[in-house]
Amino acid sequence: MRFNIADSHVSALLLAGRVDDAVDVAERVRSQATTLPGAAQLPGAAVAGRAALGVSDLHTACKALDEAVKGLRANHSVGWGFRYL
C-alpha cells in the first residue's frame, strides 16, 4: 500500500512542478524497497523510474522502469506492470 501512495505522491509533486521533491520521495521509497525481499523491491524501482522520467533523466528512467515492468508483469497478474510501460 505504501508504494501506491508514494506513486501518487510523486505524480502529484511532478504535476505541481516540484520535481526535486518528487525525486527525494522516490529515492526514499526506493531505498526502503531495497530492504524488502524479492519482488517487493520492484514498486520502489517503478516509482523511482517515474520520478526520473519527470526530471528528464531518460537513462535512469528507462533502466528503472524496465526492471520494474519485467518483474511486475511476471509477479503481479492484476496488471501493475502495465502502469509503468
PDB file of N, CA and C in Angstrom:
ATOM      1  N   MET A   1       0.809  -1.189   0.000  1.00  0.00           N
ATOM      2  CA  MET A   1       0.000   0.000   0.000  1.00  0.00           C
ATOM      3  C   MET A   1       0.862   1.267   0.000  1.00  0.00           C
ATOM      4  N   ARG A   2       1.992   1.230   0.717  1.00  0.00           N
ATOM      5  CA  ARG A   2       2.805   2.445   0.783  1.00  0.00           C
ATOM      6  C   ARG A   2       3.367   2.825  -0.578  1.00  0.00           C
ATOM      7  N   PHE A   3       3.597   1.830  -1.449  1.00  0.00           N
ATOM      8  CA  PHE A   3       4.124   2.150  -2.769  1.00  0.00           C
ATOM      9  C   PHE A   3       3.058   2.807  -3.640  1.00  0.00           C
ATOM     10  N   ASN A   4       1.810   2.395  -3.477  1.00  0.00           N
ATOM     11  CA  ASN A   4       0.719   3.040  -4.214  1.00  0.00           C
ATOM     12  C   ASN A   4       0.604   4.503  -3.803  1.00  0.00           C
ATOM     13  N   ILE A   5       0.702   4.750  -2.512  1.00  0.00           N
ATOM     14  CA  ILE A   5       0.625   6.123  -2.013  1.00  0.00           C
ATOM     15  C   ILE A   5       1.833   6.928  -2.486  1.00  0.00           C
ATOM     16  N   ALA A   6       3.009   6.336  -2.431  1.00  0.00           N
ATOM     17  CA  ALA A   6       4.217   7.028  -2.890  1.00  0.00           C
ATOM     18  C   ALA A   6       4.141   7.338  -4.379  1.00  0.00           C
ATOM     19  N   ASP A   7       3.599   6.406  -5.163  1.00  0.00           N
ATOM     20  CA  ASP A   7       3.446   6.627  -6.596  1.00  0.00           C
ATOM     21  C   ASP A   7       2.534   7.829  -6.851  1.00  0.00           C
ATOM     22  N   SER A   8       1.433   7.902  -6.126  1.00  0.00           N
ATOM     23  CA  SER A   8       0.516   9.041  -6.270  1.00  0.00           C
ATOM     24  C   SER A   8       1.158  10.334  -5.784  1.00  0.00           C
ATOM     25  N   HIS A   9       1.916  10.257  -4.716  1.00  0.00           N
ATOM     26  CA  HIS A   9       2.605  11.429  -4.180  1.00  0.00           C
ATOM     27  C   HIS A   9       3.606  11.976  -5.201  1.00  0.00           C
ATOM     28  N   VAL A  10       4.395  11.086  -5.789  1.00  0.00           N
ATOM     29  CA  VAL A  10       5.361  11.502  -6.813  1.00  0.00           C
ATOM     30  C   VAL A  10       4.629  12.121  -8.004  1.00  0.00           C
ATOM     31  N   SER A  11       3.531  11.519  -8.422  1.00  0.00           N
ATOM     32  CA  SER A  11       2.748  12.078  -9.535  1.00  0.00           C
ATOM     33  C   SER A  11       2.276  13.492  -9.216  1.00  0.00           C
ATOM     34  N   ALA A  12       1.737  13.682  -8.013  1.00  0.00           N
ATOM     35  CA  ALA A  12       1.240  14.999  -7.621  1.00  0.00           C
ATOM     36  C   ALA A  12       2.367  16.029  -7.583  1.00  0.00           C
ATOM     37  N   LEU A  13       3.506  15.639  -7.046  1.00  0.00           N
ATOM     38  CA  LEU A  13       4.642  16.566  -6.991  1.00  0.00           C
ATOM     39  C   LEU A  13       5.130  16.938  -8.387  1.00  0.00           C
ATOM     40  N   LEU A  14       5.189  15.965  -9.278  1.00  0.00           N
ATOM     41  CA  LEU A  14       5.612  16.260 -10.652  1.00  0.00           C
ATOM     42  C   LEU A  14       4.624  17.194 -11.337  1.00  0.00           C
ATOM     43  N   LEU A  15       3.337  16.934 -11.157  1.00  0.00           N
ATOM     44  CA  LEU A  15       2.316  17.791 -11.768  1.00  0.00           C
ATOM     45  C   LEU A  15       2.348  19.208 -11.204  1.00  0.00           C
ATOM     46  N   ALA A  16       2.770  19.335  -9.952  1.00  0.00           N
ATOM     47  CA  ALA A  16       2.868  20.649  -9.316  1.00  0.00           C
ATOM     48  C   ALA A  16       4.174  21.363  -9.663  1.00  0.00           C
ATOM     49  N   GLY A  17       5.040  20.686 -10.412  1.00  0.00           N
ATOM     50  CA  GLY A  17       6.312  21.287 -10.784  1.00  0.00           C
ATOM     51  C   GLY A  17       7.378  21.174  -9.708  1.00  0.00           C
ATOM     52  N   ARG A  18       7.118  20.402  -8.696  1.00  0.00           N
ATOM     53  CA  ARG A  18       8.070  20.230  -7.589  1.00  0.00           C
ATOM     54  C   ARG A  18       8.910  18.985  -7.849  1.00  0.00           C
ATOM     55  N   VAL A  19       9.698  19.056  -8.908  1.00  0.00           N
ATOM     56  CA  VAL A  19      10.433  17.881  -9.372  1.00  0.00           C
ATOM     57  C   VAL A  19      11.511  17.431  -8.390  1.00  0.00           C
ATOM     58  N   ASP A  20      12.176  18.360  -7.730  1.00  0.00           N
ATOM     59  CA  ASP A  20      13.196  17.963  -6.750  1.00  0.00           C
ATOM     60  C   ASP A  20      12.570  17.195  -5.588  1.00  0.00           C
ATOM     61  N   ASP A  21      11.404  17.652  -5.149  1.00  0.00           N
ATOM     62  CA  ASP A  21      10.700  16.940  -4.077  1.00  0.00           C
ATOM     63  C   ASP A  21      10.262  15.558  -4.540  1.00  0.00           C
ATOM     64  N   ALA A  22       9.827  15.454  -5.790  1.00  0.00           N
ATOM     65  CA  ALA A  22       9.414  14.156  -6.334  1.00  0.00           C
ATOM     66  C   ALA A  22      10.582  13.178  -6.342  1.00  0.00           C
ATOM     67  N   VAL A  23      11.740  13.660  -6.736  1.00  0.00           N
ATOM     68  CA  VAL A  23      12.933  12.805  -6.754  1.00  0.00           C
ATOM     69  C   VAL A  23      13.309  12.389  -5.332  1.00  0.00           C
ATOM     70  N   ASP A  24      13.212  13.309  -4.384  1.00  0.00           N
ATOM     71  CA  ASP A  24      13.521  12.974  -2.987  1.00  0.00           C
ATOM     72  C   ASP A  24      12.598  11.879  -2.457  1.00  0.00           C
ATOM     73  N   VAL A  25      11.306  12.012  -2.720  1.00  0.00           N
ATOM     74  CA  VAL A  25      10.342  10.997  -2.275  1.00  0.00           C
ATOM     75  C   VAL A  25      10.657   9.661  -2.933  1.00  0.00           C
ATOM     76  N   ALA A  26      10.911   9.689  -4.229  1.00  0.00           N
ATOM     77  CA  ALA A  26      11.192   8.452  -4.965  1.00  0.00           C
ATOM     78  C   ALA A  26      12.464   7.775  -4.463  1.00  0.00           C
ATOM     79  N   GLU A  27      13.485   8.557  -4.177  1.00  0.00           N
ATOM     80  CA  GLU A  27      14.733   7.979  -3.660  1.00  0.00           C
ATOM     81  C   GLU A  27      14.519   7.337  -2.293  1.00  0.00           C
ATOM     82  N   ARG A  28      13.726   7.995  -1.461  1.00  0.00           N
ATOM     83  CA  ARG A  28      13.435   7.437  -0.136  1.00  0.00           C
ATOM     84  C   ARG A  28      12.654   6.121  -0.263  1.00  0.00           C
ATOM     85  N   VAL A  29      11.674   6.097  -1.155  1.00  0.00           N
ATOM     86  CA  VAL A  29      10.864   4.890  -1.359  1.00  0.00           C
ATOM     87  C   VAL A  29      11.719   3.763  -1.930  1.00  0.00           C
ATOM     88  N   ARG A  30      12.563   4.096  -2.887  1.00  0.00           N
ATOM     89  CA  ARG A  30      13.413   3.051  -3.467  1.00  0.00           C
ATOM     90  C   ARG A  30      14.382   2.501  -2.419  1.00  0.00           C
ATOM     91  N   SER A  31      14.903   3.364  -1.588  1.00  0.00           N
ATOM     92  CA  SER A  31      15.798   2.923  -0.525  1.00  0.00           C
ATOM     93  C   SER A  31      15.073   1.992   0.445  1.00  0.00           C
ATOM     94  N   GLN A  32      13.855   2.330   0.803  1.00  0.00           N
ATOM     95  CA  GLN A  32      13.058   1.471   1.683  1.00  0.00           C
ATOM     96  C   GLN A  32      12.773   0.131   1.017  1.00  0.00           C
ATOM     97  N   ALA A  33      12.517   0.155  -0.275  1.00  0.00           N
ATOM     98  CA  ALA A  33      12.174  -1.072  -1.002  1.00  0.00           C
ATOM     99  C   ALA A  33      13.343  -2.043  -1.062  1.00  0.00           C
ATOM    100  N   THR A  34      14.563  -1.523  -1.061  1.00  0.00           N
ATOM    101  CA  THR A  34      15.720  -2.420  -1.165  1.00  0.00           C
ATOM    102  C   THR A  34      15.878  -3.311   0.057  1.00  0.00           C
ATOM    103  N   THR A  35      15.222  -2.960   1.147  1.00  0.00           N
ATOM    104  CA  THR A  35      15.297  -3.796   2.350  1.00  0.00           C
ATOM    105  C   THR A  35      14.277  -4.928   2.331  1.00  0.00           C
ATOM    106  N   LEU A  36      13.403  -4.941   1.342  1.00  0.00           N
ATOM    107  CA  LEU A  36      12.352  -5.957   1.251  1.00  0.00           C
ATOM    108  C   LEU A  36      12.816  -7.133   0.400  1.00  0.00           C
ATOM    109  N   PRO A  37      12.228  -8.298   0.605  1.00  0.00           N
ATOM    110  CA  PRO A  37      12.638  -9.473  -0.165  1.00  0.00           C
ATOM    111  C   PRO A  37      12.027  -9.516  -1.566  1.00  0.00           C
ATOM    112  N   GLY A  38      12.787 -10.038  -2.501  1.00  0.00           N
ATOM    113  CA  GLY A  38      12.304 -10.385  -3.840  1.00  0.00           C
ATOM    114  C   GLY A  38      11.524  -9.322  -4.579  1.00  0.00           C
ATOM    115  N   ALA A  39      10.358  -9.726  -5.084  1.00  0.00           N
ATOM    116  CA  ALA A  39       9.539  -8.869  -5.940  1.00  0.00           C
ATOM    117  C   ALA A  39       9.000  -7.644  -5.217  1.00  0.00           C
ATOM    118  N   ALA A  40       9.040  -7.635  -3.910  1.00  0.00           N
ATOM    119  CA  ALA A  40       8.568  -6.474  -3.156  1.00  0.00           C
ATOM    120  C   ALA A  40       9.432  -5.243  -3.422  1.00  0.00           C
ATOM    121  N   GLN A  41      10.621  -5.427  -3.972  1.00  0.00           N
ATOM    122  CA  GLN A  41      11.510  -4.307  -4.299  1.00  0.00           C
ATOM    123  C   GLN A  41      11.088  -3.580  -5.576  1.00  0.00           C
ATOM    124  N   LEU A  42      10.328  -4.238  -6.415  1.00  0.00           N
ATOM    125  CA  LEU A  42      10.018  -3.701  -7.744  1.00  0.00           C
ATOM    126  C   LEU A  42       9.216  -2.400  -7.738  1.00  0.00           C
ATOM    127  N   PRO A  43       8.213  -2.236  -6.891  1.00  0.00           N
ATOM    128  CA  PRO A  43       7.498  -0.956  -6.908  1.00  0.00           C
ATOM    129  C   PRO A  43       8.395   0.236  -6.574  1.00  0.00           C
ATOM    130  N   GLY A  44       9.414   0.034  -5.767  1.00  0.00           N
ATOM    131  CA  GLY A  44      10.354   1.114  -5.478  1.00  0.00           C
ATOM    132  C   GLY A  44      11.091   1.558  -6.726  1.00  0.00           C
ATOM    133  N   ALA A  45      11.494   0.599  -7.544  1.00  0.00           N
ATOM    134  CA  ALA A  45      12.149   0.924  -8.816  1.00  0.00           C
ATOM    135  C   ALA A  45      11.185   1.641  -9.751  1.00  0.00           C
ATOM    136  N   ALA A  46       9.932   1.217  -9.739  1.00  0.00           N
ATOM    137  CA  ALA A  46       8.935   1.840 -10.613  1.00  0.00           C
ATOM    138  C   ALA A  46       8.705   3.301 -10.239  1.00  0.00           C
ATOM    139  N   VAL A  47       8.558   3.570  -8.967  1.00  0.00           N
ATOM    140  CA  VAL A  47       8.349   4.946  -8.505  1.00  0.00           C
ATOM    141  C   VAL A  47       9.575   5.797  -8.826  1.00  0.00           C
ATOM    142  N   ALA A  48      10.755   5.251  -8.607  1.00  0.00           N
ATOM    143  CA  ALA A  48      11.987   5.986  -8.923  1.00  0.00           C
ATOM    144  C   ALA A  48      12.092   6.257 -10.422  1.00  0.00           C
ATOM    145  N   GLY A  49      11.682   5.300 -11.229  1.00  0.00           N
ATOM    146  CA  GLY A  49      11.710   5.482 -12.681  1.00  0.00           C
ATOM    147  C   GLY A  49      10.782   6.586 -13.144  1.00  0.00           C
ATOM    148  N   ARG A  50       9.604   6.647 -12.550  1.00  0.00           N
ATOM    149  CA  ARG A  50       8.659   7.709 -12.919  1.00  0.00           C
ATOM    150  C   ARG A  50       9.187   9.080 -12.519  1.00  0.00           C
ATOM    151  N   ALA A  51       9.822   9.167 -11.359  1.00  0.00           N
ATOM    152  CA  ALA A  51      10.398  10.443 -10.928  1.00  0.00           C
ATOM    153  C   ALA A  51      11.545  10.850 -11.850  1.00  0.00           C
ATOM    154  N   ALA A  52      12.381   9.892 -12.226  1.00  0.00           N
ATOM    155  CA  ALA A  52      13.488  10.185 -13.149  1.00  0.00           C
ATOM    156  C   ALA A  52      12.953  10.661 -14.494  1.00  0.00           C
ATOM    157  N   LEU A  53      11.887  10.057 -14.944  1.00  0.00           N
ATOM    158  CA  LEU A  53      11.264  10.489 -16.197  1.00  0.00           C
ATOM    159  C   LEU A  53      10.758  11.927 -16.073  1.00  0.00           C
ATOM    160  N   GLY A  54      10.224  12.251 -14.906  1.00  0.00           N
ATOM    161  CA  GLY A  54       9.707  13.601 -14.668  1.00  0.00           C
ATOM    162  C   GLY A  54      10.771  14.681 -14.693  1.00  0.00           C
ATOM    163  N   VAL A  55      12.024  14.316 -14.417  1.00  0.00           N
ATOM    164  CA  VAL A  55      13.119  15.296 -14.472  1.00  0.00           C
ATOM    165  C   VAL A  55      13.969  15.109 -15.727  1.00  0.00           C
ATOM    166  N   SER A  56      13.443  14.358 -16.678  1.00  0.00           N
ATOM    167  CA  SER A  56      14.079  14.122 -17.984  1.00  0.00           C
ATOM    168  C   SER A  56      15.394  13.363 -17.896  1.00  0.00           C
ATOM    169  N   ASP A  57      15.548  12.539 -16.887  1.00  0.00           N
ATOM    170  CA  ASP A  57      16.720  11.670 -16.775  1.00  0.00           C
ATOM    171  C   ASP A  57      16.350  10.345 -17.437  1.00  0.00           C
ATOM    172  N   LEU A  58      16.403  10.337 -18.754  1.00  0.00           N
ATOM    173  CA  LEU A  58      15.895   9.202 -19.520  1.00  0.00           C
ATOM    174  C   LEU A  58      16.678   7.920 -19.289  1.00  0.00           C
ATOM    175  N   HIS A  59      17.973   8.022 -19.130  1.00  0.00           N
ATOM    176  CA  HIS A  59      18.777   6.817 -18.906  1.00  0.00           C
ATOM    177  C   HIS A  59      18.349   6.113 -17.616  1.00  0.00           C
ATOM    178  N   THR A  60      18.276   6.867 -16.539  1.00  0.00           N
ATOM    179  CA  THR A  60      17.865   6.300 -15.253  1.00  0.00           C
ATOM    180  C   THR A  60      16.425   5.811 -15.306  1.00  0.00           C
ATOM    181  N   ALA A  61      15.550   6.598 -15.934  1.00  0.00           N
ATOM    182  CA  ALA A  61      14.138   6.218 -16.033  1.00  0.00           C
ATOM    183  C   ALA A  61      13.965   4.906 -16.781  1.00  0.00           C
ATOM    184  N   CYS A  62      14.616   4.784 -17.921  1.00  0.00           N
ATOM    185  CA  CYS A  62      14.487   3.557 -18.720  1.00  0.00           C
ATOM    186  C   CYS A  62      15.015   2.345 -17.970  1.00  0.00           C
ATOM    187  N   LYS A  63      16.131   2.510 -17.304  1.00  0.00           N
ATOM    188  CA  LYS A  63      16.725   1.396 -16.559  1.00  0.00           C
ATOM    189  C   LYS A  63      15.791   0.946 -15.428  1.00  0.00           C
ATOM    190  N   ALA A  64      15.308   1.892 -14.638  1.00  0.00           N
ATOM    191  CA  ALA A  64      14.442   1.561 -13.501  1.00  0.00           C
ATOM    192  C   ALA A  64      13.095   1.013 -13.958  1.00  0.00           C
ATOM    193  N   LEU A  65      12.503   1.642 -14.969  1.00  0.00           N
ATOM    194  CA  LEU A  65      11.183   1.198 -15.432  1.00  0.00           C
ATOM    195  C   LEU A  65      11.251  -0.155 -16.125  1.00  0.00           C
ATOM    196  N   ASP A  66      12.328  -0.403 -16.853  1.00  0.00           N
ATOM    197  CA  ASP A  66      12.484  -1.711 -17.495  1.00  0.00           C
ATOM    198  C   ASP A  66      12.563  -2.811 -16.440  1.00  0.00           C
ATOM    199  N   GLU A  67      13.345  -2.568 -15.416  1.00  0.00           N
ATOM    200  CA  GLU A  67      13.470  -3.525 -14.305  1.00  0.00           C
ATOM    201  C   GLU A  67      12.103  -3.770 -13.655  1.00  0.00           C
ATOM    202  N   ALA A  68      11.389  -2.693 -13.385  1.00  0.00           N
ATOM    203  CA  ALA A  68      10.096  -2.808 -12.711  1.00  0.00           C
ATOM    204  C   ALA A  68       9.061  -3.518 -13.569  1.00  0.00           C
ATOM    205  N   VAL A  69       8.970  -3.142 -14.833  1.00  0.00           N
ATOM    206  CA  VAL A  69       7.957  -3.730 -15.716  1.00  0.00           C
ATOM    207  C   VAL A  69       8.174  -5.225 -15.882  1.00  0.00           C
ATOM    208  N   LYS A  70       9.407  -5.621 -16.106  1.00  0.00           N
ATOM    209  CA  LYS A  70       9.681  -7.058 -16.279  1.00  0.00           C
ATOM    210  C   LYS A  70       9.260  -7.850 -15.049  1.00  0.00           C
ATOM    211  N   GLY A  71       9.626  -7.366 -13.894  1.00  0.00           N
ATOM    212  CA  GLY A  71       9.296  -8.078 -12.673  1.00  0.00           C
ATOM    213  C   GLY A  71       7.829  -8.011 -12.309  1.00  0.00           C
ATOM    214  N   LEU A  72       7.217  -6.844 -12.479  1.00  0.00           N
ATOM    215  CA  LEU A  72       5.815  -6.699 -12.106  1.00  0.00           C
ATOM    216  C   LEU A  72       4.895  -7.481 -13.034  1.00  0.00           C
ATOM    217  N   ARG A  73       5.234  -7.554 -14.298  1.00  0.00           N
ATOM    218  CA  ARG A  73       4.421  -8.361 -15.221  1.00  0.00           C
ATOM    219  C   ARG A  73       4.423  -9.823 -14.803  1.00  0.00           C
ATOM    220  N   ALA A  74       5.567 -10.293 -14.381  1.00  0.00           N
ATOM    221  CA  ALA A  74       5.698 -11.705 -14.019  1.00  0.00           C
ATOM    222  C   ALA A  74       5.074 -12.016 -12.663  1.00  0.00           C
ATOM    223  N   ASN A  75       5.088 -11.054 -11.753  1.00  0.00           N
ATOM    224  CA  ASN A  75       4.675 -11.327 -10.380  1.00  0.00           C
ATOM    225  C   ASN A  75       3.335 -10.739  -9.965  1.00  0.00           C
ATOM    226  N   HIS A  76       2.779  -9.862 -10.749  1.00  0.00           N
ATOM    227  CA  HIS A  76       1.515  -9.225 -10.379  1.00  0.00           C
ATOM    228  C   HIS A  76       0.520  -9.394 -11.520  1.00  0.00           C
ATOM    229  N   SER A  77      -0.266 -10.436 -11.439  1.00  0.00           N
ATOM    230  CA  SER A  77      -1.190 -10.757 -12.527  1.00  0.00           C
ATOM    231  C   SER A  77      -2.309  -9.739 -12.678  1.00  0.00           C
ATOM    232  N   VAL A  78      -2.489  -8.844 -11.721  1.00  0.00           N
ATOM    233  CA  VAL A  78      -3.550  -7.851 -11.820  1.00  0.00           C
ATOM    234  C   VAL A  78      -3.149  -6.652 -12.676  1.00  0.00           C
ATOM    235  N   GLY A  79      -1.932  -6.634 -13.184  1.00  0.00           N
ATOM    236  CA  GLY A  79      -1.565  -5.617 -14.153  1.00  0.00           C
ATOM    237  C   GLY A  79      -0.735  -4.451 -13.674  1.00  0.00           C
ATOM    238  N   TRP A  80      -0.133  -4.519 -12.494  1.00  0.00           N
ATOM    239  CA  TRP A  80       0.672  -3.394 -12.028  1.00  0.00           C
ATOM    240  C   TRP A  80       1.819  -3.063 -12.971  1.00  0.00           C
ATOM    241  N   GLY A  81       2.361  -4.048 -13.647  1.00  0.00           N
ATOM    242  CA  GLY A  81       3.464  -3.795 -14.564  1.00  0.00           C
ATOM    243  C   GLY A  81       3.094  -2.859 -15.697  1.00  0.00           C
ATOM    244  N   PHE A  82       1.840  -2.899 -16.104  1.00  0.00           N
ATOM    245  CA  PHE A  82       1.409  -2.077 -17.229  1.00  0.00           C
ATOM    246  C   PHE A  82       1.258  -0.610 -16.853  1.00  0.00           C
ATOM    247  N   ARG A  83       1.205  -0.296 -15.585  1.00  0.00           N
ATOM    248  CA  ARG A  83       1.151   1.103 -15.138  1.00  0.00           C
ATOM    249  C   ARG A  83       2.429   1.832 -15.518  1.00  0.00           C
ATOM    250  N   TYR A  84       3.513   1.107 -15.633  1.00  0.00           N
ATOM    251  CA  TYR A  84       4.824   1.723 -15.845  1.00  0.00           C
ATOM    252  C   TYR A  84       5.372   1.518 -17.249  1.00  0.00           C
ATOM    253  N   LEU A  85       4.548   1.046 -18.161  1.00  0.00           N
ATOM    254  CA  LEU A  85       5.003   0.880 -19.549  1.00  0.00           C
ATOM    255  C   LEU A  85       5.221   2.217 -20.204  1.00  0.00           C
TER     256      LEU A  85
END
